[in-house]
C-alpha atoms as a PDB file:
ATOM      1  CA  MET A   1       6.266  -1.311   5.187  1.00  0.00           C
ATOM      2  CA  LEU A   2       8.028  -2.471   1.869  1.00  0.00           C
ATOM      3  CA  LYS A   3       9.409   0.261  -0.967  1.00  0.00           C
ATOM      4  CA  ASN A   4      11.682   0.481  -3.666  1.00  0.00           C
ATOM      5  CA  ILE A   5      14.219   3.538  -4.010  1.00  0.00           C
ATOM      6  CA  PHE A   6      13.544   3.644  -7.705  1.00  0.00           C
ATOM      7  CA  ALA A   7       9.448   3.962  -7.128  1.00  0.00           C
ATOM      8  CA  ALA A   8       7.482   7.117  -7.220  1.00  0.00           C
ATOM      9  CA  LEU A   9       9.678   9.525  -8.964  1.00  0.00           C
ATOM     10  CA  PRO A  10       9.597  12.657  -9.165  1.00  0.00           C
ATOM     11  CA  THR A  11       8.055  14.082 -12.377  1.00  0.00           C
ATOM     12  CA  ASP A  12       9.411  17.791 -12.072  1.00  0.00           C
ATOM     13  CA  THR A  13      12.817  17.528 -13.192  1.00  0.00           C
ATOM     14  CA  GLY A  14      13.155  21.630 -13.405  1.00  0.00           C
ATOM     15  CA  CYS A  15      14.661  20.260  -9.171  1.00  0.00           C
ATOM     16  CA  GLU A  16      16.666  17.734  -7.376  1.00  0.00           C
ATOM     17  CA  THR A  17      14.791  16.057  -4.496  1.00  0.00           C
ATOM     18  CA  PHE A  18      15.780  15.221  -1.301  1.00  0.00           C
ATOM     19  CA  ASP A  19      13.794  11.955   0.282  1.00  0.00           C
ATOM     20  CA  ASP A  20      14.597  10.921   4.160  1.00  0.00           C
ATOM     21  CA  LEU A  21      14.238   6.558   3.832  1.00  0.00           C
ATOM     22  CA  LEU A  22      15.683   6.162   7.353  1.00  0.00           C
ATOM     23  CA  ASN A  23      15.908   9.467   9.912  1.00  0.00           C
ATOM     24  CA  VAL A  24      17.406   7.507  13.101  1.00  0.00           C
ATOM     25  CA  PRO A  25      19.752   9.182  15.851  1.00  0.00           C
ATOM     26  CA  GLY A  26      22.393   8.877  14.736  1.00  0.00           C
ATOM     27  CA  LEU A  27      21.999   8.141  10.769  1.00  0.00           C
ATOM     28  CA  ARG A  28      20.044   9.078   7.846  1.00  0.00           C
ATOM     29  CA  ILE A  29      19.778   7.662   4.568  1.00  0.00           C
ATOM     30  CA  GLU A  30      17.816   9.699   1.705  1.00  0.00           C
ATOM     31  CA  ARG A  31      17.688   9.416  -2.194  1.00  0.00           C
ATOM     32  CA  ILE A  32      18.644  12.059  -4.357  1.00  0.00           C
ATOM     33  CA  VAL A  33      17.033  12.486  -7.930  1.00  0.00           C
ATOM     34  CA  SER A  34      19.161  14.511 -10.093  1.00  0.00           C
ATOM     35  CA  HIS A  35      18.764  15.799 -14.129  1.00  0.00           C
ATOM     36  CA  GLY A  36      21.336  16.859 -14.794  1.00  0.00           C
ATOM     37  CA  GLN A  37      20.883  19.701 -11.966  1.00  0.00           C
ATOM     38  CA  ALA A  38      24.438  20.877 -10.952  1.00  0.00           C
ATOM     39  CA  SER A  39      25.730  23.277  -7.834  1.00  0.00           C
ATOM     40  CA  PRO A  40      24.945  26.941  -8.588  1.00  0.00           C
ATOM     41  CA  PRO A  41      28.698  28.452  -9.532  1.00  0.00           C
ATOM     42  CA  ASP A  42      30.492  29.170  -6.438  1.00  0.00           C
ATOM     43  CA  PHE A  43      28.786  27.377  -3.970  1.00  0.00           C
ATOM     44  CA  TRP A  44      30.010  24.132  -1.861  1.00  0.00           C
ATOM     45  CA  TYR A  45      28.521  21.830   0.282  1.00  0.00           C
ATOM     46  CA  GLU A  46      30.549  22.023   3.545  1.00  0.00           C
ATOM     47  CA  GLN A  47      28.686  19.787   6.082  1.00  0.00           C
ATOM     48  CA  ASP A  48      29.242  19.040   9.639  1.00  0.00           C
ATOM     49  CA  GLU A  49      28.271  14.803   9.157  1.00  0.00           C
ATOM     50  CA  ASP A  50      30.240  12.045   7.175  1.00  0.00           C
ATOM     51  CA  GLU A  51      28.878  11.203   4.261  1.00  0.00           C
ATOM     52  CA  TRP A  52      28.530   8.560   2.118  1.00  0.00           C
ATOM     53  CA  VAL A  53      26.975   8.214  -1.872  1.00  0.00           C
ATOM     54  CA  ILE A  54      26.857   5.996  -4.464  1.00  0.00           C
ATOM     55  CA  VAL A  55      25.617   6.558  -7.692  1.00  0.00           C
ATOM     56  CA  LEU A  56      22.812   4.062  -8.129  1.00  0.00           C
ATOM     57  CA  GLN A  57      21.957   5.555 -11.489  1.00  0.00           C
ATOM     58  CA  GLY A  58      22.909   7.739 -13.433  1.00  0.00           C
ATOM     59  CA  ALA A  59      26.146   9.659 -13.810  1.00  0.00           C
ATOM     60  CA  ALA A  60      27.877  12.262 -11.889  1.00  0.00           C
ATOM     61  CA  VAL A  61      31.008  13.950 -11.016  1.00  0.00           C
ATOM     62  CA  LEU A  62      32.202  15.655  -8.823  1.00  0.00           C
ATOM     63  CA  GLN A  63      34.556  18.554  -7.347  1.00  0.00           C
ATOM     64  CA  VAL A  64      36.500  18.076  -3.861  1.00  0.00           C
ATOM     65  CA  GLU A  65      38.894  20.565  -3.030  1.00  0.00           C
ATOM     66  CA  GLY A  66      42.061  19.629  -2.610  1.00  0.00           C
ATOM     67  CA  HIS A  67      41.818  16.987  -5.327  1.00  0.00           C
ATOM     68  CA  ASP A  68      43.325  18.056  -8.346  1.00  0.00           C
ATOM     69  CA  THR A  69      40.952  16.191 -10.542  1.00  0.00           C
ATOM     70  CA  LEU A  70      37.261  15.515 -10.765  1.00  0.00           C
ATOM     71  CA  VAL A  71      35.470  12.675  -9.197  1.00  0.00           C
ATOM     72  CA  THR A  72      33.150  10.800 -11.887  1.00  0.00           C
ATOM     73  CA  LEU A  73      30.297   8.891 -10.782  1.00  0.00           C
ATOM     74  CA  LYS A  74      28.544   5.596 -12.714  1.00  0.00           C
ATOM     75  CA  GLN A  75      25.986   3.926 -11.744  1.00  0.00           C
ATOM     76  CA  GLY A  76      27.068   1.559  -8.891  1.00  0.00           C
ATOM     77  CA  ASP A  77      29.936   4.236  -7.900  1.00  0.00           C
ATOM     78  CA  HIS A  78      30.729   5.414  -4.376  1.00  0.00           C
ATOM     79  CA  HIS A  79      32.537   7.980  -2.484  1.00  0.00           C
ATOM     80  CA  TRP A  80      32.971   8.822   1.068  1.00  0.00           C
ATOM     81  CA  LEU A  81      32.402  12.721   1.676  1.00  0.00           C
ATOM     82  CA  PRO A  82      34.043  13.014   5.957  1.00  0.00           C
ATOM     83  CA  ALA A  83      32.875  15.868   7.550  1.00  0.00           C
ATOM     84  CA  GLY A  84      34.119  19.493   6.719  1.00  0.00           C
ATOM     85  CA  LEU A  85      35.424  18.342   3.032  1.00  0.00           C
ATOM     86  CA  ARG A  86      33.523  20.978   0.512  1.00  0.00           C
ATOM     87  CA  HIS A  87      33.241  19.353  -2.208  1.00  0.00           C
ATOM     88  CA  ARG A  88      30.106  20.517  -4.468  1.00  0.00           C
ATOM     89  CA  ILE A  89      28.284  19.217  -7.743  1.00  0.00           C
ATOM     90  CA  ASN A  90      30.147  19.744 -10.963  1.00  0.00           C
ATOM     91  CA  SER A  91      26.911  17.737 -13.253  1.00  0.00           C
ATOM     92  CA  THR A  92      24.920  15.197 -13.495  1.00  0.00           C
ATOM     93  CA  ALA A  93      22.941  13.470 -16.300  1.00  0.00           C
ATOM     94  CA  PRO A  94      21.359  15.327 -18.558  1.00  0.00           C
ATOM     95  CA  ASP A  95      19.523  12.246 -20.005  1.00  0.00           C
ATOM     96  CA  GLY A  96      17.830  10.926 -17.357  1.00  0.00           C
ATOM     97  CA  PRO A  97      17.419  10.842 -14.482  1.00  0.00           C
ATOM     98  CA  THR A  98      20.763  10.258 -11.790  1.00  0.00           C
ATOM     99  CA  ILE A  99      19.632   8.733  -9.000  1.00  0.00           C
ATOM    100  CA  TRP A 100      21.736   8.245  -5.709  1.00  0.00           C
ATOM    101  CA  LEU A 101      22.042   6.877  -2.091  1.00  0.00           C
ATOM    102  CA  ALA A 102      23.394   8.913   0.654  1.00  0.00           C
ATOM    103  CA  VAL A 103      24.133   7.964   3.698  1.00  0.00           C
ATOM    104  CA  HIS A 104      24.812  10.610   6.962  1.00  0.00           C
ATOM    105  CA  ARG A 105      26.506   9.743  10.005  1.00  0.00           C
END
């Protein structure tokens, strides 16, 4: 079944959306759509699985524990987040959707 990652974008821009594109044993691929969202203050992701993210459209800024500088992701930029690495979303583009592809294993 053919699908397009840019099709059927959510119309509610008040929240971030997470849609599984593929979920099989040992591998999950999801589309994340952000509209200026950021992690709440003092909230950190600390996942049990590895995650690789790429920004397909828009931009985002990550704060990664142990890094002295923020990680800025523009269209086409990608970043590896090993399991257990605490990270948070500092910001996403406020002027349009940020579309991420996240691969978890």
